[in-house]
Amino acid sequence: MLPAIILFAATYVLMIAFGKYRPYIALASGVIFIISGMLPFNQIIGALDFNVLLMIGGTMGLVQLFIDSHMPERLADIIMDKVPNVQWAAVCLSLFSGIISAFVDNVATVLMVAPVAIEICKKLKTNPIPFIISIAVSSNLQGAATLVGDTTAIMLGSALDMSFLDFIWYQGKPGMFFMVELGAVLSACIVYFTFRKEKGAIPKSGRVTEVNDLVPTILLVGAIVLLIVASFLPFEMPAETNGLICFSLLIIGLIYNYARNKNLDAITGPLKAIDLETLGLLVGLFLMIGGISNMGVIDALAQLLAKLGAGNPFLMYTIIVWASVAISAFIDNIPYVATMIPVIAGIAMEMGIDSTALYFGLLSGATLGGNCTPIGASANIAGIGILRKEGYDVKNGDFFKIGIPFTLAAIVPAYILIWILFGV
């Protein structure tokens, strides 16, 4: 395992140090994992999350059609007319993205809401970097609020045989939904504080941008509805369902756009908007994570956590929460959660305790930990990709000053409340 750990750690150090070259560093590391045999050739396909890749690619193309229709400008005009200043515009967009993300994948949420924020910032001639970061971290937070909000939530629901309503009210007590919403309220205060100097009044022009085509908006709303419907279907769906939904709607949008404009740019324009660097970064990360998983690093880490807290339920719970935060800040939370679920079941059985607090602690820590770093969650990567496309270079400090306090504001109340309700 040692070579895998060294390569993985070195890769993340390089990605943090050389932010502009993250996609190339990650892809190079993934290739090394393959060439060295740490990720066998027959496991490459399995390591890649095609659902995420298809969803990001499809949604990026849809969003470009959405932008071309001028709907983000219209929404920006409406928001600017309703809020008193830039500070409240940032808070409202952050909360809005969180609400959507409770029902739709975090990455899709960022890709849908970010264009509206970009348009507001263009109109007000203000820096969009903190706006987009706030939207991304809010989306990550709310993914744990419902059974359908995030892949890790779906995995936990399956492990505990939870229904959609169990996330709201479980065992006669408030469920994960309320833990997340308490954190959302406090983290909104972080966003409010971050924009404390943005007190300037927003000029009210009374003019609303005219939308030239409603079909892209219908397709985006249709994506949200179909993603929600797919999560409620009573039978098991393919793992790539969400990605196929988004990419299929992009194809429909491209066909419609070509029929409407009768030129090749109607197809190539939206396709060029798909950020290949963002997709490349994700591919590299998936290969790296597949490599360390194959080498037994994640399994060993899970077993180490189990040994550290053996015999003391509160200590075990505390280790799971905060170790999950730390680990998920650097690696994808899906393989980590998948590994820890059976470990927690075994720990709870051996200690003779109810596993609910441990499971909820795992979900909250693993979901929120990704907000600590620019590469800790796919939504963060997508948001930074949008900013890079707009010509903005996101420094690590830009992300840390929002992501870290946001994470603490969200995780601390959840950590306390989960133990009070389910651990004591």
Protein backbone atom coordinates (compact mmCIF):
# COMPACT_ATOMS: atom_id res chain seq x y z
CA MET A 1 0.00 0.00 0.00
CA LEU A 2 2.89 2.38 0.67
CA PRO A 3 3.65 3.27 -3.00
CA ALA A 4 -0.06 3.97 -3.59
CA ILE A 5 -0.25 6.22 -0.53
CA ILE A 6 2.91 8.13 -1.52
CA LEU A 7 1.74 8.65 -5.13
CA PHE A 8 -1.73 9.68 -4.00
CA ALA A 9 -0.40 12.15 -1.41
CA ALA A 10 2.18 13.60 -3.81
CA THR A 11 -0.51 14.10 -6.46
CA TYR A 12 -2.74 16.08 -4.11
CA VAL A 13 0.17 18.22 -2.93
CA LEU A 14 1.03 19.02 -6.54
CA MET A 15 -2.62 19.79 -7.41
CA ILE A 16 -2.91 22.18 -4.49
CA ALA A 17 0.43 23.83 -5.28
CA PHE A 18 -0.15 24.13 -9.05
CA GLY A 19 -3.86 24.85 -9.36
CA LYS A 20 -3.73 25.72 -13.07
CA TYR A 21 -2.40 22.29 -13.95
CA ARG A 22 -4.70 20.14 -11.81
CA PRO A 23 -6.29 18.21 -14.71
CA TYR A 24 -2.91 17.27 -16.19
CA ILE A 25 -1.45 16.31 -12.81
CA ALA A 26 -4.46 14.13 -11.97
CA LEU A 27 -4.46 12.43 -15.38
CA ALA A 28 -0.70 11.81 -15.19
CA SER A 29 -1.12 10.26 -11.75
CA GLY A 30 -3.97 8.08 -13.02
CA VAL A 31 -1.77 6.85 -15.86
CA ILE A 32 1.02 6.02 -13.38
CA PHE A 33 -1.45 4.02 -11.27
CA ILE A 34 -2.34 2.04 -14.40
CA ILE A 35 1.19 1.54 -15.75
CA SER A 36 2.51 0.51 -12.34
CA GLY A 37 -0.20 -2.13 -12.02
CA MET A 38 -1.75 -0.55 -8.91
CA LEU A 39 -4.89 -0.15 -11.01
CA PRO A 40 -5.19 -3.22 -13.28
CA PHE A 41 -6.41 -2.69 -16.84
CA ASN A 42 -9.54 -4.75 -16.20
CA GLN A 43 -10.56 -2.34 -13.41
CA ILE A 44 -10.15 0.93 -15.33
CA ILE A 45 -13.74 1.06 -16.60
CA GLY A 46 -15.09 0.21 -13.16
CA ALA A 47 -13.05 3.01 -11.57
CA LEU A 48 -14.62 5.67 -13.81
CA ASP A 49 -17.94 7.12 -12.66
CA PHE A 50 -19.67 7.49 -16.03
CA ASN A 51 -22.80 8.74 -14.31
CA VAL A 52 -20.97 11.85 -13.06
CA LEU A 53 -19.08 12.36 -16.33
CA LEU A 54 -22.22 12.09 -18.48
CA MET A 55 -24.17 14.29 -16.12
CA ILE A 56 -21.52 17.04 -16.11
CA GLY A 57 -21.02 16.89 -19.87
CA GLY A 58 -24.74 16.86 -20.63
CA THR A 59 -25.59 19.61 -18.18
CA MET A 60 -22.74 21.85 -19.38
CA GLY A 61 -24.13 21.66 -22.91
CA LEU A 62 -27.68 22.30 -21.69
CA VAL A 63 -26.50 25.24 -19.63
CA GLN A 64 -24.88 26.79 -22.72
CA LEU A 65 -28.21 26.58 -24.54
CA PHE A 66 -29.76 28.10 -21.41
CA ILE A 67 -27.24 30.95 -21.49
CA ASP A 68 -27.76 31.56 -25.22
CA SER A 69 -31.48 31.98 -24.59
CA HIS A 70 -30.69 34.93 -22.22
CA MET A 71 -32.73 33.32 -19.42
CA PRO A 72 -29.86 33.68 -16.85
CA GLU A 73 -29.78 37.41 -17.62
CA ARG A 74 -33.53 37.63 -17.06
CA LEU A 75 -33.30 35.75 -13.75
CA ALA A 76 -30.40 37.99 -12.74
CA ASP A 77 -32.53 41.06 -13.50
CA ILE A 78 -35.38 39.68 -11.37
CA ILE A 79 -33.10 38.82 -8.42
CA MET A 80 -31.38 42.21 -8.62
CA ASP A 81 -34.78 43.87 -8.52
CA LYS A 82 -35.88 41.93 -5.41
CA VAL A 83 -32.81 42.10 -3.16
CA PRO A 84 -31.41 45.27 -1.54
CA ASN A 85 -27.69 44.68 -2.12
CA VAL A 86 -24.97 42.30 -3.34
CA GLN A 87 -24.69 40.70 0.10
CA TRP A 88 -28.28 39.49 0.05
CA ALA A 89 -28.00 38.43 -3.58
CA ALA A 90 -25.16 36.08 -2.56
CA VAL A 91 -27.12 34.68 0.39
CA CYS A 92 -30.25 34.12 -1.71
CA LEU A 93 -28.34 32.36 -4.50
CA SER A 94 -26.56 30.19 -1.94
CA LEU A 95 -29.83 29.14 -0.29
CA PHE A 96 -31.53 28.67 -3.65
CA SER A 97 -28.81 26.30 -4.87
CA GLY A 98 -29.08 24.40 -1.58
CA ILE A 99 -32.83 23.89 -1.99
CA ILE A 100 -32.39 22.52 -5.52
CA SER A 101 -29.51 20.30 -4.41
CA ALA A 102 -31.70 18.58 -1.82
CA PHE A 103 -33.46 16.91 -4.76
CA VAL A 104 -30.95 17.07 -7.64
CA ASP A 105 -27.30 16.06 -7.89
CA ASN A 106 -24.90 18.69 -6.53
CA VAL A 107 -22.94 19.05 -9.77
CA ALA A 108 -26.06 19.55 -11.84
CA THR A 109 -27.22 22.19 -9.35
CA VAL A 110 -23.99 24.18 -9.61
CA LEU A 111 -24.08 24.05 -13.40
CA MET A 112 -27.65 25.34 -13.41
CA VAL A 113 -27.34 28.13 -10.83
CA ALA A 114 -23.83 29.40 -11.62
CA PRO A 115 -24.79 31.14 -14.91
CA VAL A 116 -27.32 33.28 -13.02
CA ALA A 117 -24.63 34.29 -10.51
CA ILE A 118 -22.18 35.05 -13.31
CA GLU A 119 -24.71 37.33 -14.99
CA ILE A 120 -25.41 39.18 -11.73
CA CYS A 121 -21.69 39.72 -11.19
CA LYS A 122 -21.24 40.98 -14.76
CA LYS A 123 -24.06 43.48 -14.34
CA LEU A 124 -22.71 44.68 -11.00
CA LYS A 125 -19.05 44.46 -12.11
CA THR A 126 -18.14 42.46 -9.02
CA ASN A 127 -15.92 39.40 -8.48
CA PRO A 128 -17.87 36.17 -9.13
CA ILE A 129 -15.38 33.86 -7.37
CA PRO A 130 -16.93 34.01 -3.86
CA PHE A 131 -20.42 33.76 -5.42
CA ILE A 132 -19.65 30.50 -7.21
CA ILE A 133 -17.77 29.03 -4.24
CA SER A 134 -20.75 29.78 -1.98
CA ILE A 135 -23.10 28.10 -4.45
CA ALA A 136 -20.89 25.00 -4.69
CA VAL A 137 -20.46 24.48 -0.93
CA SER A 138 -24.18 25.09 -0.32
CA SER A 139 -25.01 22.44 -2.91
CA ASN A 140 -22.69 19.94 -1.21
CA LEU A 141 -24.28 20.61 2.18
CA GLN A 142 -27.87 20.02 1.10
CA GLY A 143 -27.03 16.77 -0.69
CA ALA A 144 -27.41 14.96 2.65
CA ALA A 145 -30.82 16.46 3.44
CA THR A 146 -32.95 13.94 1.55
CA LEU A 147 -32.78 10.38 0.33
CA VAL A 148 -32.37 11.59 -3.28
CA GLY A 149 -29.96 14.49 -2.72
CA ASP A 150 -26.66 12.66 -3.17
CA THR A 151 -25.23 9.23 -3.96
CA THR A 152 -23.98 8.84 -0.38
CA ALA A 153 -27.48 9.56 0.95
CA ILE A 154 -28.90 6.88 -1.34
CA MET A 155 -26.26 4.42 -0.10
CA LEU A 156 -27.07 5.17 3.54
CA GLY A 157 -30.81 4.89 2.89
CA SER A 158 -30.24 1.49 1.35
CA ALA A 159 -28.10 0.33 4.30
CA LEU A 160 -30.75 1.34 6.85
CA ASP A 161 -33.72 0.51 4.59
CA MET A 162 -34.89 4.14 4.87
CA SER A 163 -37.70 5.70 2.86
CA PHE A 164 -37.76 9.28 1.62
CA LEU A 165 -39.76 10.35 4.70
CA ASP A 166 -37.32 8.59 7.06
CA PHE A 167 -34.76 11.26 6.21
CA ILE A 168 -37.22 13.82 7.59
CA TRP A 169 -38.50 11.88 10.63
CA TYR A 170 -36.71 8.73 11.81
CA GLN A 171 -37.47 6.51 14.80
CA GLY A 172 -39.88 9.14 16.13
CA LYS A 173 -37.19 11.84 16.05
CA PRO A 174 -36.07 14.56 13.61
CA GLY A 175 -34.04 12.97 10.81
CA MET A 176 -31.06 14.02 8.72
CA PHE A 177 -33.11 16.72 7.00
CA PHE A 178 -33.27 18.81 10.15
CA MET A 179 -29.58 18.26 10.96
CA VAL A 180 -28.68 19.58 7.54
CA GLU A 181 -31.09 22.51 7.65
CA LEU A 182 -29.75 23.64 11.03
CA GLY A 183 -26.30 23.66 9.48
CA ALA A 184 -27.68 25.47 6.42
CA VAL A 185 -29.02 28.31 8.54
CA LEU A 186 -25.72 28.78 10.36
CA SER A 187 -23.64 28.42 7.19
CA ALA A 188 -25.84 31.05 5.51
CA CYS A 189 -24.56 33.37 8.22
CA ILE A 190 -21.02 32.56 7.00
CA VAL A 191 -22.01 33.63 3.48
CA TYR A 192 -23.62 36.77 4.90
CA PHE A 193 -20.41 37.56 6.81
CA THR A 194 -18.21 36.80 3.78
CA PHE A 195 -20.06 39.46 1.78
CA ARG A 196 -20.26 41.91 4.71
CA LYS A 197 -18.49 44.64 2.73
CA GLU A 198 -20.85 44.32 -0.24
CA LYS A 199 -23.44 46.74 1.15
CA GLY A 200 -23.81 48.83 -1.98
CA ALA A 201 -27.38 49.13 -3.17
CA ILE A 202 -28.22 47.33 -6.41
CA PRO A 203 -29.41 49.80 -9.04
CA LYS A 204 -33.04 49.21 -10.02
CA SER A 205 -33.29 49.72 -13.75
CA GLY A 206 -36.76 48.25 -14.06
CA ARG A 207 -35.62 46.63 -17.30
CA VAL A 208 -35.94 42.87 -17.74
CA THR A 209 -33.91 41.06 -20.42
CA GLU A 210 -36.02 39.48 -23.12
CA VAL A 211 -35.70 35.69 -23.46
CA ASN A 212 -35.44 34.58 -27.08
CA ASP A 213 -36.21 30.88 -26.56
CA LEU A 214 -37.97 29.05 -23.73
CA VAL A 215 -37.04 25.52 -24.84
CA PRO A 216 -33.60 25.44 -23.11
CA THR A 217 -35.27 26.47 -19.84
CA ILE A 218 -37.89 23.75 -20.31
CA LEU A 219 -35.12 21.21 -20.92
CA LEU A 220 -33.26 22.25 -17.75
CA VAL A 221 -36.43 22.14 -15.65
CA GLY A 222 -37.22 18.82 -17.29
CA ALA A 223 -33.82 17.55 -16.20
CA ILE A 224 -34.61 18.46 -12.58
CA VAL A 225 -38.03 16.78 -12.72
CA LEU A 226 -36.71 13.62 -14.39
CA LEU A 227 -33.82 13.35 -11.91
CA ILE A 228 -36.30 13.53 -9.02
CA VAL A 229 -38.71 11.07 -10.65
CA ALA A 230 -35.89 8.60 -11.35
CA SER A 231 -34.93 8.60 -7.68
CA PHE A 232 -38.47 7.61 -6.64
CA LEU A 233 -38.98 4.72 -9.06
CA PRO A 234 -39.74 1.50 -7.17
CA PHE A 235 -37.32 -0.63 -9.20
CA GLU A 236 -33.55 -0.47 -9.43
CA MET A 237 -32.24 1.79 -12.19
CA PRO A 238 -28.87 1.58 -13.99
CA ALA A 239 -26.03 3.39 -12.19
CA GLU A 240 -25.71 5.83 -15.11
CA THR A 241 -29.40 6.85 -15.09
CA ASN A 242 -28.85 10.48 -14.02
CA GLY A 243 -26.04 10.94 -16.52
CA LEU A 244 -28.10 9.43 -19.34
CA ILE A 245 -31.01 11.74 -18.50
CA CYS A 246 -28.83 14.85 -18.73
CA PHE A 247 -26.99 13.76 -21.87
CA SER A 248 -30.19 12.64 -23.62
CA LEU A 249 -31.76 16.04 -22.97
CA LEU A 250 -28.63 17.69 -24.40
CA ILE A 251 -29.03 15.66 -27.59
CA ILE A 252 -32.67 16.72 -27.81
CA GLY A 253 -31.59 20.33 -27.26
CA LEU A 254 -28.93 20.12 -29.98
CA ILE A 255 -31.38 18.64 -32.49
CA TYR A 256 -33.91 21.36 -31.68
CA ASN A 257 -31.27 24.09 -31.86
CA TYR A 258 -30.10 22.88 -35.27
CA ALA A 259 -33.66 22.72 -36.59
CA ARG A 260 -34.26 26.25 -35.33
CA ASN A 261 -31.03 27.89 -36.58
CA LYS A 262 -30.16 25.71 -39.59
CA ASN A 263 -26.37 25.94 -39.10
CA LEU A 264 -23.62 23.75 -37.69
CA ASP A 265 -22.75 26.28 -34.96
CA ALA A 266 -26.05 25.38 -33.33
CA ILE A 267 -24.47 22.02 -32.48
CA THR A 268 -20.77 22.82 -32.14
CA GLY A 269 -21.35 25.90 -29.94
CA PRO A 270 -22.96 24.05 -27.00
CA LEU A 271 -20.52 21.15 -27.40
CA LYS A 272 -17.54 23.52 -27.16
CA ALA A 273 -18.97 24.71 -23.82
CA ILE A 274 -18.30 21.28 -22.31
CA ASP A 275 -15.21 21.87 -20.18
CA LEU A 276 -12.81 19.07 -21.10
CA GLU A 277 -10.34 20.14 -18.39
CA THR A 278 -12.97 19.61 -15.69
CA LEU A 279 -13.87 16.20 -17.12
CA GLY A 280 -10.16 15.34 -17.39
CA LEU A 281 -9.59 16.24 -13.75
CA LEU A 282 -12.48 14.00 -12.68
CA VAL A 283 -11.22 11.12 -14.82
CA GLY A 284 -7.80 11.44 -13.20
CA LEU A 285 -9.29 11.50 -9.71
CA PHE A 286 -11.47 8.46 -10.42
CA LEU A 287 -8.43 6.51 -11.63
CA MET A 288 -6.42 7.53 -8.56
CA ILE A 289 -9.20 6.54 -6.17
CA GLY A 290 -9.68 3.27 -8.04
CA GLY A 291 -5.95 2.63 -7.60
CA ILE A 292 -5.82 3.22 -3.86
CA SER A 293 -9.04 1.24 -3.40
CA ASN A 294 -7.53 -1.70 -5.31
CA MET A 295 -4.38 -1.52 -3.19
CA GLY A 296 -6.48 -1.79 -0.01
CA VAL A 297 -5.77 1.73 1.30
CA ILE A 298 -9.42 2.66 1.92
CA ASP A 299 -10.15 -0.71 3.55
CA ALA A 300 -7.11 -0.34 5.82
CA LEU A 301 -8.11 3.19 6.75
CA ALA A 302 -11.61 2.10 7.67
CA GLN A 303 -10.27 -0.71 9.85
CA LEU A 304 -7.87 1.68 11.57
CA LEU A 305 -10.75 4.01 12.46
CA ALA A 306 -12.68 1.07 13.88
CA LYS A 307 -9.79 0.09 16.15
CA LEU A 308 -9.17 3.63 17.41
CA GLY A 309 -12.68 4.01 18.85
CA ALA A 310 -13.39 0.47 20.00
CA GLY A 311 -15.23 0.20 23.31
CA ASN A 312 -16.36 3.84 23.60
CA PRO A 313 -19.50 4.74 21.57
CA PHE A 314 -19.04 8.52 21.80
CA LEU A 315 -15.34 8.32 20.91
CA MET A 316 -16.21 6.02 18.01
CA TYR A 317 -18.87 8.46 16.81
CA THR A 318 -16.48 11.42 17.13
CA ILE A 319 -13.74 9.65 15.19
CA ILE A 320 -16.14 8.68 12.40
CA VAL A 321 -17.48 12.23 12.01
CA TRP A 322 -14.21 14.14 12.03
CA ALA A 323 -12.16 11.51 10.20
CA SER A 324 -14.85 11.51 7.51
CA VAL A 325 -14.55 15.29 7.24
CA ALA A 326 -10.76 15.09 6.90
CA ILE A 327 -10.73 12.16 4.47
CA SER A 328 -13.50 13.51 2.24
CA ALA A 329 -11.63 16.80 1.91
CA PHE A 330 -9.18 14.94 -0.33
CA ILE A 331 -10.84 11.85 -1.75
CA ASP A 332 -14.23 11.15 -3.27
CA ASN A 333 -16.70 10.27 -0.54
CA ILE A 334 -18.51 7.53 -2.49
CA PRO A 335 -15.88 4.74 -2.18
CA TYR A 336 -15.14 5.83 1.39
CA VAL A 337 -18.81 5.66 2.44
CA ALA A 338 -19.29 2.39 0.58
CA THR A 339 -16.37 0.91 2.54
CA MET A 340 -17.41 2.33 5.92
CA ILE A 341 -21.06 1.21 5.83
CA PRO A 342 -20.31 -2.50 6.47
CA VAL A 343 -17.52 -1.53 8.91
CA ILE A 344 -19.98 0.53 10.98
CA ALA A 345 -22.50 -2.32 10.94
CA GLY A 346 -19.86 -4.63 12.39
CA ILE A 347 -18.76 -2.09 15.00
CA ALA A 348 -22.34 -1.49 16.18
CA MET A 349 -23.00 -5.23 16.46
CA GLU A 350 -19.78 -5.87 18.39
CA MET A 351 -20.40 -2.98 20.79
CA GLY A 352 -24.10 -3.79 21.14
CA ILE A 353 -25.27 -0.25 20.28
CA ASP A 354 -27.71 1.30 17.85
CA SER A 355 -25.87 2.15 14.64
CA THR A 356 -28.01 5.19 13.69
CA ALA A 357 -25.74 7.85 15.21
CA LEU A 358 -22.67 6.29 13.58
CA TYR A 359 -24.34 6.13 10.17
CA PHE A 360 -25.69 9.70 10.37
CA GLY A 361 -22.30 10.91 11.56
CA LEU A 362 -20.66 9.17 8.60
CA LEU A 363 -23.06 10.80 6.13
CA SER A 364 -22.74 14.31 7.57
CA GLY A 365 -18.94 14.16 7.86
CA ALA A 366 -18.33 12.59 4.45
CA THR A 367 -20.75 14.96 2.70
CA LEU A 368 -19.45 18.16 4.28
CA GLY A 369 -15.75 17.29 4.23
CA GLY A 370 -15.62 17.93 0.50
CA ASN A 371 -16.26 21.61 1.18
CA CYS A 372 -12.85 22.05 2.81
CA THR A 373 -10.79 21.98 -0.39
CA PRO A 374 -11.24 22.97 -4.06
CA ILE A 375 -10.90 19.35 -5.15
CA GLY A 376 -12.83 17.68 -2.33
CA ALA A 377 -16.12 17.44 -4.24
CA SER A 378 -17.21 17.24 -7.87
CA ALA A 379 -19.42 20.32 -7.39
CA ASN A 380 -16.38 22.36 -6.34
CA ILE A 381 -14.47 21.18 -9.40
CA ALA A 382 -17.39 22.06 -11.67
CA GLY A 383 -17.74 25.54 -10.12
CA ILE A 384 -14.03 26.27 -10.47
CA GLY A 385 -14.21 25.03 -14.06
CA ILE A 386 -16.96 27.56 -14.80
CA LEU A 387 -14.86 30.37 -13.30
CA ARG A 388 -11.80 29.29 -15.26
CA LYS A 389 -13.85 29.38 -18.44
CA GLU A 390 -14.84 32.96 -17.57
CA GLY A 391 -11.17 33.87 -17.15
CA TYR A 392 -10.93 33.76 -13.34
CA ASP A 393 -8.12 31.92 -11.53
CA VAL A 394 -9.36 30.52 -8.21
CA LYS A 395 -6.57 30.43 -5.64
CA ASN A 396 -6.61 27.96 -2.77
CA GLY A 397 -6.98 30.84 -0.30
CA ASP A 398 -10.11 32.04 -2.12
CA PHE A 399 -11.70 28.68 -1.48
CA PHE A 400 -10.41 28.03 2.03
CA LYS A 401 -11.71 31.29 3.49
CA ILE A 402 -15.26 30.31 2.53
CA GLY A 403 -15.14 26.50 2.49
CA ILE A 404 -13.54 25.85 5.88
CA PRO A 405 -15.70 28.16 8.05
CA PHE A 406 -18.76 27.05 6.06
CA THR A 407 -17.93 23.41 6.82
CA LEU A 408 -17.42 24.05 10.54
CA ALA A 409 -20.66 26.04 10.80
CA ALA A 410 -22.56 23.19 9.19
CA ILE A 411 -20.90 20.16 10.78
CA VAL A 412 -20.62 21.25 14.43
CA PRO A 413 -24.39 21.64 15.08
CA ALA A 414 -25.11 18.41 13.19
CA TYR A 415 -22.41 16.61 15.19
CA ILE A 416 -23.98 17.72 18.48
CA LEU A 417 -27.61 17.19 17.50
CA ILE A 418 -27.12 13.71 16.02
CA TRP A 419 -25.50 12.49 19.22
CA ILE A 420 -28.16 14.08 21.45
CA LEU A 421 -31.01 12.52 19.45
CA PHE A 422 -29.57 9.14 18.51
CA GLY A 423 -26.43 8.53 20.53
CA VAL A 424 -27.31 9.24 24.15
